[in-house]
N, C-alpha and C. Protein backbone atom coordinates (compact mmCIF):
# COMPACT_ATOMS: atom_id res chain seq x y z
N MET A 1 0.85 -1.17 0.00
CA MET A 1 0.00 0.00 0.00
C MET A 1 0.90 1.24 0.00
N PRO A 2 0.61 2.20 -0.88
CA PRO A 2 1.41 3.43 -0.92
C PRO A 2 1.30 4.20 0.40
N PRO A 3 2.38 4.86 0.80
CA PRO A 3 2.36 5.58 2.08
C PRO A 3 1.33 6.71 2.11
N GLU A 4 1.06 7.36 0.94
CA GLU A 4 0.07 8.44 0.93
C GLU A 4 -1.33 7.92 1.25
N LEU A 5 -1.66 6.76 0.65
CA LEU A 5 -2.97 6.16 0.90
C LEU A 5 -3.08 5.68 2.35
N GLN A 6 -2.01 5.13 2.86
CA GLN A 6 -2.01 4.68 4.24
C GLN A 6 -2.18 5.86 5.19
N LEU A 7 -1.53 6.98 4.91
CA LEU A 7 -1.67 8.18 5.73
C LEU A 7 -3.09 8.72 5.67
N LEU A 8 -3.68 8.71 4.47
CA LEU A 8 -5.06 9.17 4.31
C LEU A 8 -6.03 8.30 5.10
N LEU A 9 -5.87 6.99 5.00
CA LEU A 9 -6.75 6.08 5.74
C LEU A 9 -6.57 6.25 7.24
N THR A 10 -5.34 6.45 7.69
CA THR A 10 -5.09 6.67 9.11
C THR A 10 -5.75 7.95 9.59
N ASN A 11 -5.67 9.00 8.79
CA ASN A 11 -6.32 10.28 9.15
C ASN A 11 -7.84 10.13 9.21
N ILE A 12 -8.40 9.42 8.22
CA ILE A 12 -9.86 9.23 8.19
C ILE A 12 -10.30 8.41 9.40
N LEU A 13 -9.59 7.33 9.68
CA LEU A 13 -9.95 6.50 10.83
C LEU A 13 -9.75 7.26 12.14
N GLY A 14 -8.71 8.06 12.25
CA GLY A 14 -8.50 8.86 13.45
C GLY A 14 -9.58 9.89 13.64
N TRP A 15 -9.97 10.57 12.55
CA TRP A 15 -11.05 11.55 12.62
C TRP A 15 -12.34 10.87 13.05
N PHE A 16 -12.61 9.71 12.44
CA PHE A 16 -13.84 8.99 12.77
C PHE A 16 -13.83 8.53 14.23
N ARG A 17 -12.71 8.01 14.69
CA ARG A 17 -12.64 7.45 16.04
C ARG A 17 -12.55 8.52 17.12
N PHE A 18 -11.77 9.55 16.90
CA PHE A 18 -11.50 10.51 17.97
C PHE A 18 -12.31 11.80 17.88
N TRP A 19 -12.91 12.08 16.72
CA TRP A 19 -13.72 13.30 16.63
C TRP A 19 -15.20 12.96 16.46
N PHE A 20 -15.54 12.15 15.46
CA PHE A 20 -16.94 11.91 15.11
C PHE A 20 -17.65 11.00 16.12
N LEU A 21 -17.08 9.86 16.45
CA LEU A 21 -17.76 8.91 17.34
C LEU A 21 -18.05 9.48 18.73
N PRO A 22 -17.13 10.20 19.38
CA PRO A 22 -17.49 10.78 20.69
C PRO A 22 -18.64 11.77 20.60
N ARG A 23 -18.66 12.56 19.55
CA ARG A 23 -19.75 13.53 19.39
C ARG A 23 -21.06 12.81 19.06
N LEU A 24 -20.98 11.77 18.27
CA LEU A 24 -22.17 10.99 17.95
C LEU A 24 -22.71 10.33 19.22
N TRP A 25 -21.83 9.80 20.05
CA TRP A 25 -22.24 9.17 21.30
C TRP A 25 -22.90 10.20 22.22
N SER A 26 -22.32 11.39 22.35
CA SER A 26 -22.92 12.41 23.21
C SER A 26 -24.25 12.90 22.64
N ALA A 27 -24.37 12.95 21.30
CA ALA A 27 -25.65 13.31 20.68
C ALA A 27 -26.72 12.27 21.00
N ALA A 28 -26.35 11.00 20.97
CA ALA A 28 -27.30 9.93 21.32
C ALA A 28 -27.72 10.04 22.78
N VAL A 29 -26.79 10.37 23.66
CA VAL A 29 -27.12 10.53 25.08
C VAL A 29 -28.06 11.72 25.27
N ILE A 30 -27.79 12.83 24.58
CA ILE A 30 -28.66 14.02 24.68
C ILE A 30 -30.06 13.68 24.19
N ALA A 31 -30.16 12.99 23.06
CA ALA A 31 -31.48 12.62 22.51
C ALA A 31 -32.22 11.69 23.47
N PHE A 32 -31.51 10.74 24.07
CA PHE A 32 -32.15 9.80 25.00
C PHE A 32 -32.63 10.52 26.26
N VAL A 33 -31.84 11.43 26.79
CA VAL A 33 -32.25 12.19 27.98
C VAL A 33 -33.46 13.06 27.65
N ALA A 34 -33.49 13.67 26.46
CA ALA A 34 -34.65 14.48 26.05
C ALA A 34 -35.90 13.61 25.94
N TYR A 35 -35.74 12.39 25.40
CA TYR A 35 -36.86 11.46 25.30
C TYR A 35 -37.39 11.09 26.68
N LEU A 36 -36.48 10.76 27.61
CA LEU A 36 -36.90 10.40 28.97
C LEU A 36 -37.59 11.56 29.66
N LEU A 37 -37.07 12.76 29.48
CA LEU A 37 -37.67 13.95 30.08
C LEU A 37 -39.07 14.20 29.50
N ALA A 38 -39.22 14.01 28.19
CA ALA A 38 -40.54 14.18 27.57
C ALA A 38 -41.53 13.16 28.11
N ARG A 39 -41.12 11.92 28.28
CA ARG A 39 -42.00 10.89 28.84
C ARG A 39 -42.40 11.23 30.27
N TRP A 40 -41.44 11.72 31.07
CA TRP A 40 -41.74 12.09 32.44
C TRP A 40 -42.73 13.26 32.48
N LEU A 41 -42.51 14.26 31.61
CA LEU A 41 -43.41 15.41 31.59
C LEU A 41 -44.80 15.04 31.08
N ASP A 42 -44.91 14.02 30.22
CA ASP A 42 -46.24 13.55 29.79
C ASP A 42 -47.08 13.15 30.99
N GLY A 43 -46.48 12.41 31.91
CA GLY A 43 -47.20 12.01 33.11
C GLY A 43 -47.48 13.19 34.04
N ARG A 44 -46.56 14.14 34.09
CA ARG A 44 -46.75 15.29 34.97
C ARG A 44 -47.89 16.18 34.46
N TRP A 45 -48.05 16.29 33.14
CA TRP A 45 -49.13 17.12 32.62
C TRP A 45 -50.48 16.61 33.11
N HIS A 46 -50.62 15.28 33.21
CA HIS A 46 -51.88 14.71 33.67
C HIS A 46 -52.18 15.15 35.11
N SER A 47 -51.17 15.15 35.96
CA SER A 47 -51.41 15.57 37.35
C SER A 47 -51.57 17.09 37.45
N TRP A 48 -50.84 17.85 36.65
CA TRP A 48 -50.97 19.30 36.69
C TRP A 48 -52.32 19.79 36.19
N LEU A 49 -52.90 19.10 35.22
CA LEU A 49 -54.18 19.51 34.64
C LEU A 49 -55.37 18.71 35.17
N ARG A 50 -55.18 18.03 36.29
CA ARG A 50 -56.23 17.16 36.82
C ARG A 50 -57.55 17.90 37.04
N SER A 51 -57.50 19.12 37.57
CA SER A 51 -58.75 19.85 37.84
C SER A 51 -59.47 20.25 36.55
N VAL A 52 -58.72 20.47 35.49
CA VAL A 52 -59.33 20.85 34.21
C VAL A 52 -59.90 19.64 33.48
N LEU A 53 -59.37 18.45 33.76
CA LEU A 53 -59.77 17.25 33.04
C LEU A 53 -61.17 16.76 33.42
N ILE A 54 -61.71 17.24 34.52
CA ILE A 54 -63.03 16.80 34.95
C ILE A 54 -64.06 17.48 34.06
N SER A 55 -64.90 16.69 33.42
CA SER A 55 -65.88 17.26 32.50
C SER A 55 -67.24 17.35 33.17
N ALA A 56 -68.18 17.91 32.45
CA ALA A 56 -69.54 18.09 32.96
C ALA A 56 -70.19 16.73 33.21
N ARG A 57 -71.12 16.72 34.13
CA ARG A 57 -71.78 15.46 34.50
C ARG A 57 -72.67 14.91 33.41
N ASP A 58 -73.14 15.77 32.53
CA ASP A 58 -74.05 15.30 31.49
C ASP A 58 -73.31 14.80 30.25
N ARG A 59 -72.01 14.57 30.36
CA ARG A 59 -71.24 14.01 29.26
C ARG A 59 -71.15 12.50 29.41
N SER A 60 -71.10 11.83 28.29
CA SER A 60 -70.91 10.37 28.33
C SER A 60 -69.44 10.07 28.63
N ALA A 61 -69.17 8.83 28.95
CA ALA A 61 -67.78 8.44 29.27
C ALA A 61 -66.87 8.63 28.07
N SER A 62 -67.35 8.29 26.88
CA SER A 62 -66.50 8.44 25.68
C SER A 62 -66.21 9.91 25.39
N GLN A 63 -67.19 10.79 25.62
CA GLN A 63 -66.95 12.22 25.41
C GLN A 63 -65.97 12.77 26.44
N SER A 64 -66.04 12.28 27.68
CA SER A 64 -65.10 12.72 28.71
C SER A 64 -63.69 12.27 28.40
N VAL A 65 -63.55 11.03 27.93
CA VAL A 65 -62.22 10.53 27.55
C VAL A 65 -61.69 11.31 26.36
N TRP A 66 -62.53 11.57 25.36
CA TRP A 66 -62.12 12.35 24.19
C TRP A 66 -61.63 13.72 24.63
N ARG A 67 -62.35 14.36 25.55
CA ARG A 67 -61.97 15.69 26.03
C ARG A 67 -60.63 15.62 26.77
N GLN A 68 -60.43 14.63 27.61
CA GLN A 68 -59.17 14.50 28.34
C GLN A 68 -57.99 14.31 27.38
N VAL A 69 -58.19 13.48 26.37
CA VAL A 69 -57.12 13.26 25.38
C VAL A 69 -56.79 14.55 24.66
N ARG A 70 -57.81 15.31 24.29
CA ARG A 70 -57.58 16.58 23.60
C ARG A 70 -56.89 17.60 24.49
N ILE A 71 -57.29 17.68 25.74
CA ILE A 71 -56.68 18.65 26.65
C ILE A 71 -55.21 18.33 26.87
N LEU A 72 -54.88 17.04 27.02
CA LEU A 72 -53.50 16.65 27.30
C LEU A 72 -52.61 16.68 26.05
N ALA A 73 -53.20 16.56 24.86
CA ALA A 73 -52.40 16.44 23.65
C ALA A 73 -51.59 17.70 23.35
N LEU A 74 -52.20 18.87 23.51
CA LEU A 74 -51.50 20.10 23.14
C LEU A 74 -50.29 20.40 24.04
N PRO A 75 -50.42 20.38 25.37
CA PRO A 75 -49.22 20.64 26.18
C PRO A 75 -48.14 19.58 25.99
N ARG A 76 -48.54 18.33 25.81
CA ARG A 76 -47.55 17.28 25.57
C ARG A 76 -46.81 17.53 24.26
N THR A 77 -47.54 17.89 23.22
CA THR A 77 -46.90 18.16 21.93
C THR A 77 -45.96 19.35 22.01
N LEU A 78 -46.41 20.43 22.65
CA LEU A 78 -45.55 21.62 22.79
C LEU A 78 -44.31 21.31 23.62
N THR A 79 -44.46 20.49 24.67
CA THR A 79 -43.30 20.10 25.48
C THR A 79 -42.30 19.31 24.64
N ARG A 80 -42.81 18.40 23.83
CA ARG A 80 -41.91 17.60 22.97
C ARG A 80 -41.20 18.48 21.94
N ILE A 81 -41.90 19.45 21.39
CA ILE A 81 -41.27 20.35 20.42
C ILE A 81 -40.16 21.16 21.08
N VAL A 82 -40.43 21.71 22.27
CA VAL A 82 -39.41 22.50 22.97
C VAL A 82 -38.21 21.64 23.33
N LEU A 83 -38.45 20.44 23.84
CA LEU A 83 -37.34 19.55 24.20
C LEU A 83 -36.55 19.11 22.97
N THR A 84 -37.22 18.88 21.85
CA THR A 84 -36.53 18.50 20.62
C THR A 84 -35.65 19.65 20.12
N VAL A 85 -36.17 20.88 20.18
CA VAL A 85 -35.38 22.03 19.75
C VAL A 85 -34.16 22.21 20.65
N LEU A 86 -34.36 22.10 21.97
CA LEU A 86 -33.23 22.24 22.88
C LEU A 86 -32.19 21.14 22.68
N ALA A 87 -32.66 19.90 22.52
CA ALA A 87 -31.73 18.79 22.27
C ALA A 87 -31.00 18.99 20.94
N GLY A 88 -31.71 19.45 19.92
CA GLY A 88 -31.07 19.72 18.63
C GLY A 88 -30.02 20.81 18.74
N TRP A 89 -30.35 21.86 19.50
CA TRP A 89 -29.40 22.95 19.74
C TRP A 89 -28.14 22.40 20.39
N MET A 90 -28.29 21.59 21.44
CA MET A 90 -27.14 21.03 22.14
C MET A 90 -26.32 20.10 21.24
N ILE A 91 -27.00 19.34 20.40
CA ILE A 91 -26.29 18.42 19.49
C ILE A 91 -25.51 19.21 18.44
N PHE A 92 -26.14 20.24 17.87
CA PHE A 92 -25.43 21.06 16.88
C PHE A 92 -24.22 21.74 17.50
N GLU A 93 -24.38 22.24 18.73
CA GLU A 93 -23.23 22.84 19.41
C GLU A 93 -22.13 21.81 19.65
N ARG A 94 -22.53 20.61 19.98
CA ARG A 94 -21.54 19.54 20.22
C ARG A 94 -20.74 19.25 18.96
N PHE A 95 -21.38 19.39 17.79
CA PHE A 95 -20.69 19.15 16.52
C PHE A 95 -19.96 20.40 16.02
N GLY A 96 -19.96 21.47 16.80
CA GLY A 96 -19.15 22.63 16.46
C GLY A 96 -19.84 23.71 15.66
N VAL A 97 -21.16 23.66 15.53
CA VAL A 97 -21.87 24.71 14.81
C VAL A 97 -21.96 25.94 15.73
N PRO A 98 -21.59 27.13 15.24
CA PRO A 98 -21.63 28.32 16.09
C PRO A 98 -23.05 28.65 16.57
N ARG A 99 -23.14 29.20 17.77
CA ARG A 99 -24.44 29.53 18.36
C ARG A 99 -25.21 30.54 17.52
N GLU A 100 -24.52 31.48 16.94
CA GLU A 100 -25.20 32.51 16.15
C GLU A 100 -25.92 31.88 14.95
N VAL A 101 -25.27 30.92 14.32
CA VAL A 101 -25.89 30.24 13.18
C VAL A 101 -27.15 29.49 13.61
N ILE A 102 -27.04 28.79 14.74
CA ILE A 102 -28.19 28.04 15.25
C ILE A 102 -29.32 29.00 15.61
N LEU A 103 -28.99 30.08 16.30
CA LEU A 103 -30.01 31.04 16.73
C LEU A 103 -30.70 31.70 15.54
N TRP A 104 -29.95 32.13 14.55
CA TRP A 104 -30.56 32.76 13.38
C TRP A 104 -31.40 31.76 12.59
N ALA A 105 -30.91 30.55 12.42
CA ALA A 105 -31.68 29.53 11.69
C ALA A 105 -32.98 29.22 12.43
N LEU A 106 -32.90 29.08 13.73
CA LEU A 106 -34.09 28.80 14.54
C LEU A 106 -35.07 29.97 14.49
N THR A 107 -34.57 31.19 14.55
CA THR A 107 -35.44 32.37 14.49
C THR A 107 -36.17 32.45 13.16
N ILE A 108 -35.44 32.22 12.07
CA ILE A 108 -36.05 32.29 10.74
C ILE A 108 -37.10 31.20 10.57
N VAL A 109 -36.79 29.99 11.00
CA VAL A 109 -37.74 28.87 10.86
C VAL A 109 -38.99 29.13 11.70
N VAL A 110 -38.82 29.55 12.95
CA VAL A 110 -39.97 29.79 13.82
C VAL A 110 -40.83 30.93 13.27
N ALA A 111 -40.22 32.02 12.84
CA ALA A 111 -40.99 33.14 12.28
C ALA A 111 -41.75 32.73 11.03
N ALA A 112 -41.10 31.99 10.15
CA ALA A 112 -41.78 31.55 8.91
C ALA A 112 -42.93 30.60 9.21
N VAL A 113 -42.73 29.67 10.12
CA VAL A 113 -43.79 28.72 10.46
C VAL A 113 -44.96 29.43 11.13
N LEU A 114 -44.67 30.32 12.08
CA LEU A 114 -45.76 31.03 12.76
C LEU A 114 -46.52 31.93 11.80
N TRP A 115 -45.83 32.60 10.89
CA TRP A 115 -46.54 33.46 9.94
C TRP A 115 -47.38 32.62 8.98
N ALA A 116 -46.83 31.51 8.50
CA ALA A 116 -47.57 30.67 7.54
C ALA A 116 -48.78 30.00 8.19
N MET A 117 -48.69 29.73 9.48
CA MET A 117 -49.76 28.99 10.15
C MET A 117 -50.59 29.89 11.07
N ARG A 118 -50.60 31.19 10.85
CA ARG A 118 -51.26 32.09 11.79
C ARG A 118 -52.76 31.81 11.91
N HIS A 119 -53.45 31.50 10.81
CA HIS A 119 -54.88 31.21 10.89
C HIS A 119 -55.12 29.84 11.53
N LEU A 120 -54.28 28.87 11.18
CA LEU A 120 -54.41 27.56 11.81
C LEU A 120 -54.15 27.63 13.30
N LEU A 121 -53.17 28.45 13.70
CA LEU A 121 -52.88 28.58 15.13
C LEU A 121 -54.02 29.27 15.87
N SER A 122 -54.65 30.25 15.24
CA SER A 122 -55.79 30.90 15.90
C SER A 122 -56.97 29.92 16.02
N ASP A 123 -57.18 29.09 15.00
CA ASP A 123 -58.21 28.04 15.10
C ASP A 123 -57.85 27.03 16.18
N LEU A 124 -56.58 26.65 16.25
CA LEU A 124 -56.13 25.68 17.25
C LEU A 124 -56.33 26.21 18.66
N THR A 125 -55.93 27.45 18.92
CA THR A 125 -56.09 27.99 20.27
C THR A 125 -57.56 28.20 20.62
N ALA A 126 -58.37 28.64 19.65
CA ALA A 126 -59.80 28.80 19.93
C ALA A 126 -60.45 27.44 20.18
N GLY A 127 -60.08 26.44 19.42
CA GLY A 127 -60.61 25.09 19.64
C GLY A 127 -60.17 24.51 20.97
N TYR A 128 -58.93 24.77 21.35
CA TYR A 128 -58.44 24.28 22.64
C TYR A 128 -59.20 24.95 23.78
N SER A 129 -59.48 26.24 23.65
CA SER A 129 -60.24 26.92 24.71
C SER A 129 -61.67 26.40 24.77
N LEU A 130 -62.26 26.02 23.62
CA LEU A 130 -63.60 25.42 23.64
C LEU A 130 -63.58 24.09 24.37
N VAL A 131 -62.53 23.30 24.17
CA VAL A 131 -62.41 22.01 24.86
C VAL A 131 -62.20 22.25 26.35
N LEU A 132 -61.35 23.22 26.70
CA LEU A 132 -61.12 23.53 28.12
C LEU A 132 -62.42 23.97 28.81
N ASP A 133 -63.22 24.77 28.11
CA ASP A 133 -64.48 25.24 28.67
C ASP A 133 -65.56 24.17 28.68
N ASP A 134 -65.31 23.06 28.02
CA ASP A 134 -66.28 21.97 27.89
C ASP A 134 -67.57 22.49 27.27
N ALA A 135 -67.41 23.31 26.23
CA ALA A 135 -68.55 23.96 25.61
C ALA A 135 -69.28 23.08 24.61
N LEU A 136 -68.55 22.28 23.84
CA LEU A 136 -69.17 21.48 22.79
C LEU A 136 -68.72 20.03 22.88
N ALA A 137 -69.58 19.14 22.40
CA ALA A 137 -69.23 17.72 22.27
C ALA A 137 -70.01 17.16 21.09
N GLU A 138 -69.55 16.05 20.59
CA GLU A 138 -70.26 15.41 19.49
C GLU A 138 -71.66 15.03 19.95
N GLY A 139 -72.64 15.29 19.09
CA GLY A 139 -74.03 14.99 19.41
C GLY A 139 -74.81 16.18 19.93
N ASP A 140 -74.12 17.27 20.28
CA ASP A 140 -74.82 18.47 20.76
C ASP A 140 -75.52 19.15 19.60
N GLN A 141 -76.71 19.68 19.87
CA GLN A 141 -77.45 20.47 18.90
C GLN A 141 -77.08 21.92 19.15
N ILE A 142 -76.53 22.61 18.15
CA ILE A 142 -76.15 24.00 18.36
C ILE A 142 -76.86 24.91 17.38
N SER A 143 -77.05 26.13 17.82
CA SER A 143 -77.67 27.16 17.00
C SER A 143 -76.80 28.40 17.10
N SER A 144 -76.37 28.90 15.96
CA SER A 144 -75.53 30.08 15.94
C SER A 144 -75.79 30.86 14.66
N PRO A 145 -75.25 32.08 14.55
CA PRO A 145 -75.41 32.83 13.30
C PRO A 145 -74.72 32.13 12.12
N LEU A 146 -73.82 31.23 12.39
CA LEU A 146 -73.07 30.54 11.34
C LEU A 146 -73.79 29.30 10.82
N GLY A 147 -74.77 28.83 11.54
CA GLY A 147 -75.51 27.65 11.12
C GLY A 147 -76.10 26.92 12.30
N GLU A 148 -77.05 26.02 12.01
CA GLU A 148 -77.69 25.21 13.03
C GLU A 148 -77.58 23.75 12.63
N GLY A 149 -77.39 22.92 13.64
CA GLY A 149 -77.32 21.50 13.36
C GLY A 149 -76.72 20.74 14.52
N VAL A 150 -76.48 19.46 14.27
CA VAL A 150 -75.91 18.57 15.27
C VAL A 150 -74.40 18.49 15.03
N VAL A 151 -73.64 18.59 16.11
CA VAL A 151 -72.19 18.49 16.00
C VAL A 151 -71.85 17.05 15.64
N GLU A 152 -71.33 16.86 14.43
CA GLU A 152 -70.98 15.53 13.97
C GLU A 152 -69.56 15.16 14.36
N ARG A 153 -68.68 16.16 14.30
CA ARG A 153 -67.27 15.91 14.61
C ARG A 153 -66.62 17.23 15.01
N ILE A 154 -65.63 17.12 15.91
CA ILE A 154 -64.84 18.28 16.30
C ILE A 154 -63.39 17.93 16.03
N SER A 155 -62.77 18.67 15.12
CA SER A 155 -61.35 18.45 14.83
C SER A 155 -60.54 19.49 15.60
N TRP A 156 -59.24 19.51 15.36
CA TRP A 156 -58.40 20.51 16.02
C TRP A 156 -58.68 21.91 15.51
N PHE A 157 -59.24 22.03 14.30
CA PHE A 157 -59.35 23.36 13.69
C PHE A 157 -60.78 23.78 13.36
N ALA A 158 -61.75 22.87 13.40
CA ALA A 158 -63.10 23.22 12.99
C ALA A 158 -64.12 22.31 13.66
N VAL A 159 -65.39 22.76 13.59
CA VAL A 159 -66.52 21.97 14.05
C VAL A 159 -67.34 21.60 12.82
N TYR A 160 -67.75 20.36 12.73
CA TYR A 160 -68.54 19.87 11.60
C TYR A 160 -69.98 19.69 12.06
N LEU A 161 -70.87 20.49 11.47
CA LEU A 161 -72.29 20.42 11.82
C LEU A 161 -73.05 19.72 10.71
N ARG A 162 -74.00 18.89 11.08
CA ARG A 162 -74.90 18.26 10.12
C ARG A 162 -76.28 18.87 10.34
N THR A 163 -76.81 19.53 9.31
CA THR A 163 -78.12 20.17 9.42
C THR A 163 -79.22 19.12 9.30
N ASP A 164 -80.46 19.56 9.55
CA ASP A 164 -81.59 18.64 9.42
C ASP A 164 -81.76 18.16 7.98
N GLY A 165 -81.35 18.98 7.04
CA GLY A 165 -81.44 18.61 5.63
C GLY A 165 -80.30 17.72 5.15
N GLY A 166 -79.34 17.44 6.02
CA GLY A 166 -78.23 16.56 5.66
C GLY A 166 -76.99 17.29 5.17
N THR A 167 -77.05 18.62 5.14
CA THR A 167 -75.90 19.39 4.69
C THR A 167 -74.85 19.45 5.79
N LEU A 168 -73.57 19.33 5.38
CA LEU A 168 -72.47 19.42 6.32
C LEU A 168 -71.92 20.84 6.29
N ILE A 169 -71.87 21.47 7.46
CA ILE A 169 -71.32 22.83 7.59
C ILE A 169 -70.04 22.72 8.40
N VAL A 170 -68.94 23.27 7.86
CA VAL A 170 -67.66 23.27 8.55
C VAL A 170 -67.40 24.70 9.03
N ILE A 171 -67.29 24.84 10.35
CA ILE A 171 -67.11 26.16 10.94
C ILE A 171 -65.76 26.18 11.66
N PRO A 172 -64.87 27.11 11.29
CA PRO A 172 -63.60 27.21 12.01
C PRO A 172 -63.82 27.59 13.47
N HIS A 173 -62.95 27.13 14.34
CA HIS A 173 -63.10 27.38 15.77
C HIS A 173 -63.05 28.87 16.10
N ARG A 174 -62.24 29.64 15.39
CA ARG A 174 -62.15 31.07 15.72
C ARG A 174 -63.47 31.77 15.43
N ALA A 175 -64.25 31.27 14.45
CA ALA A 175 -65.55 31.86 14.17
C ALA A 175 -66.56 31.50 15.25
N ILE A 176 -66.48 30.28 15.75
CA ILE A 176 -67.39 29.86 16.83
C ILE A 176 -67.05 30.60 18.11
N ARG A 177 -65.77 30.72 18.39
CA ARG A 177 -65.34 31.37 19.63
C ARG A 177 -65.74 32.84 19.64
N GLY A 178 -65.85 33.45 18.48
CA GLY A 178 -66.19 34.87 18.40
C GLY A 178 -67.67 35.16 18.33
N SER A 179 -68.54 34.16 18.43
CA SER A 179 -69.98 34.41 18.34
C SER A 179 -70.71 33.70 19.47
N VAL A 180 -71.93 34.14 19.71
CA VAL A 180 -72.76 33.51 20.74
C VAL A 180 -73.47 32.33 20.10
N ILE A 181 -73.40 31.20 20.78
CA ILE A 181 -74.09 30.01 20.28
C ILE A 181 -74.95 29.42 21.39
N LYS A 182 -76.00 28.74 20.98
CA LYS A 182 -76.85 28.01 21.94
C LYS A 182 -76.52 26.54 21.77
N VAL A 183 -76.28 25.88 22.89
CA VAL A 183 -75.94 24.46 22.87
C VAL A 183 -77.04 23.70 23.58
N HIS A 184 -77.61 22.72 22.87
CA HIS A 184 -78.60 21.83 23.48
C HIS A 184 -77.97 20.45 23.54
N ARG A 185 -77.68 20.01 24.77
CA ARG A 185 -77.04 18.71 24.94
C ARG A 185 -78.07 17.62 24.80
N SER A 186 -77.66 16.55 24.14
CA SER A 186 -78.59 15.47 23.87
C SER A 186 -79.00 14.72 25.13
N GLU A 187 -78.18 14.71 26.19
CA GLU A 187 -78.51 13.97 27.41
C GLU A 187 -79.49 14.73 28.30
N THR A 188 -79.46 16.05 28.24
CA THR A 188 -80.35 16.87 29.07
C THR A 188 -81.10 17.85 28.19
N THR A 189 -82.01 18.56 28.80
CA THR A 189 -82.76 19.57 28.05
C THR A 189 -82.23 20.96 28.32
N ALA A 190 -81.06 21.01 28.96
CA ALA A 190 -80.49 22.33 29.29
C ALA A 190 -79.95 22.99 28.04
N THR A 191 -80.17 24.27 27.92
CA THR A 191 -79.61 25.05 26.83
C THR A 191 -78.64 26.04 27.45
N LYS A 192 -77.51 26.15 26.81
CA LYS A 192 -76.44 26.95 27.40
C LYS A 192 -75.91 27.91 26.36
N ALA A 193 -75.73 29.15 26.72
CA ALA A 193 -75.14 30.13 25.82
C ALA A 193 -73.66 30.21 26.10
N VAL A 194 -72.86 30.15 25.04
CA VAL A 194 -71.41 30.17 25.17
C VAL A 194 -70.88 31.37 24.41
N ARG A 195 -69.96 32.05 25.01
CA ARG A 195 -69.38 33.18 24.30
C ARG A 195 -67.92 32.96 24.11
């Protein structure tokens, strides 16, 4: 083997063994610790939000479980996103990327995503507040300036109403949150105004 090739292979193996592998190992440890922390915080969110998770007495068990899952999903997801960003930041720093580059890249990505999703985020926050208030559930009869019908489905961003004529009306959560609606629950005869 020529000495130049042997020197090149020795340099590549040395770089791989003494520079890349230790950083890869520390990146794996950082990712694993972030995963464990996210799992621990998932359980903590349940205890922190225990008082909010209790739903109205006139809800069925499936509606109460659906509401609990929805209430817990958003903080858990946001916690995972924050932990992933922090772990990514630490991993990039471990590989020698300057902090300024990481900070500017993160700022640009966050600003672009928030601007592109501004209407979706307003629907998401309005829908989350509706779930927190326990205002709507599937099967409720609602009457509003936007339409009347039975709530067929509630997604993260909209409410799907089925009218008596069979027409499906999709109403974004921010529109529902901004208007007065009458809710007639199928289990009781109570009518409730929500603002």
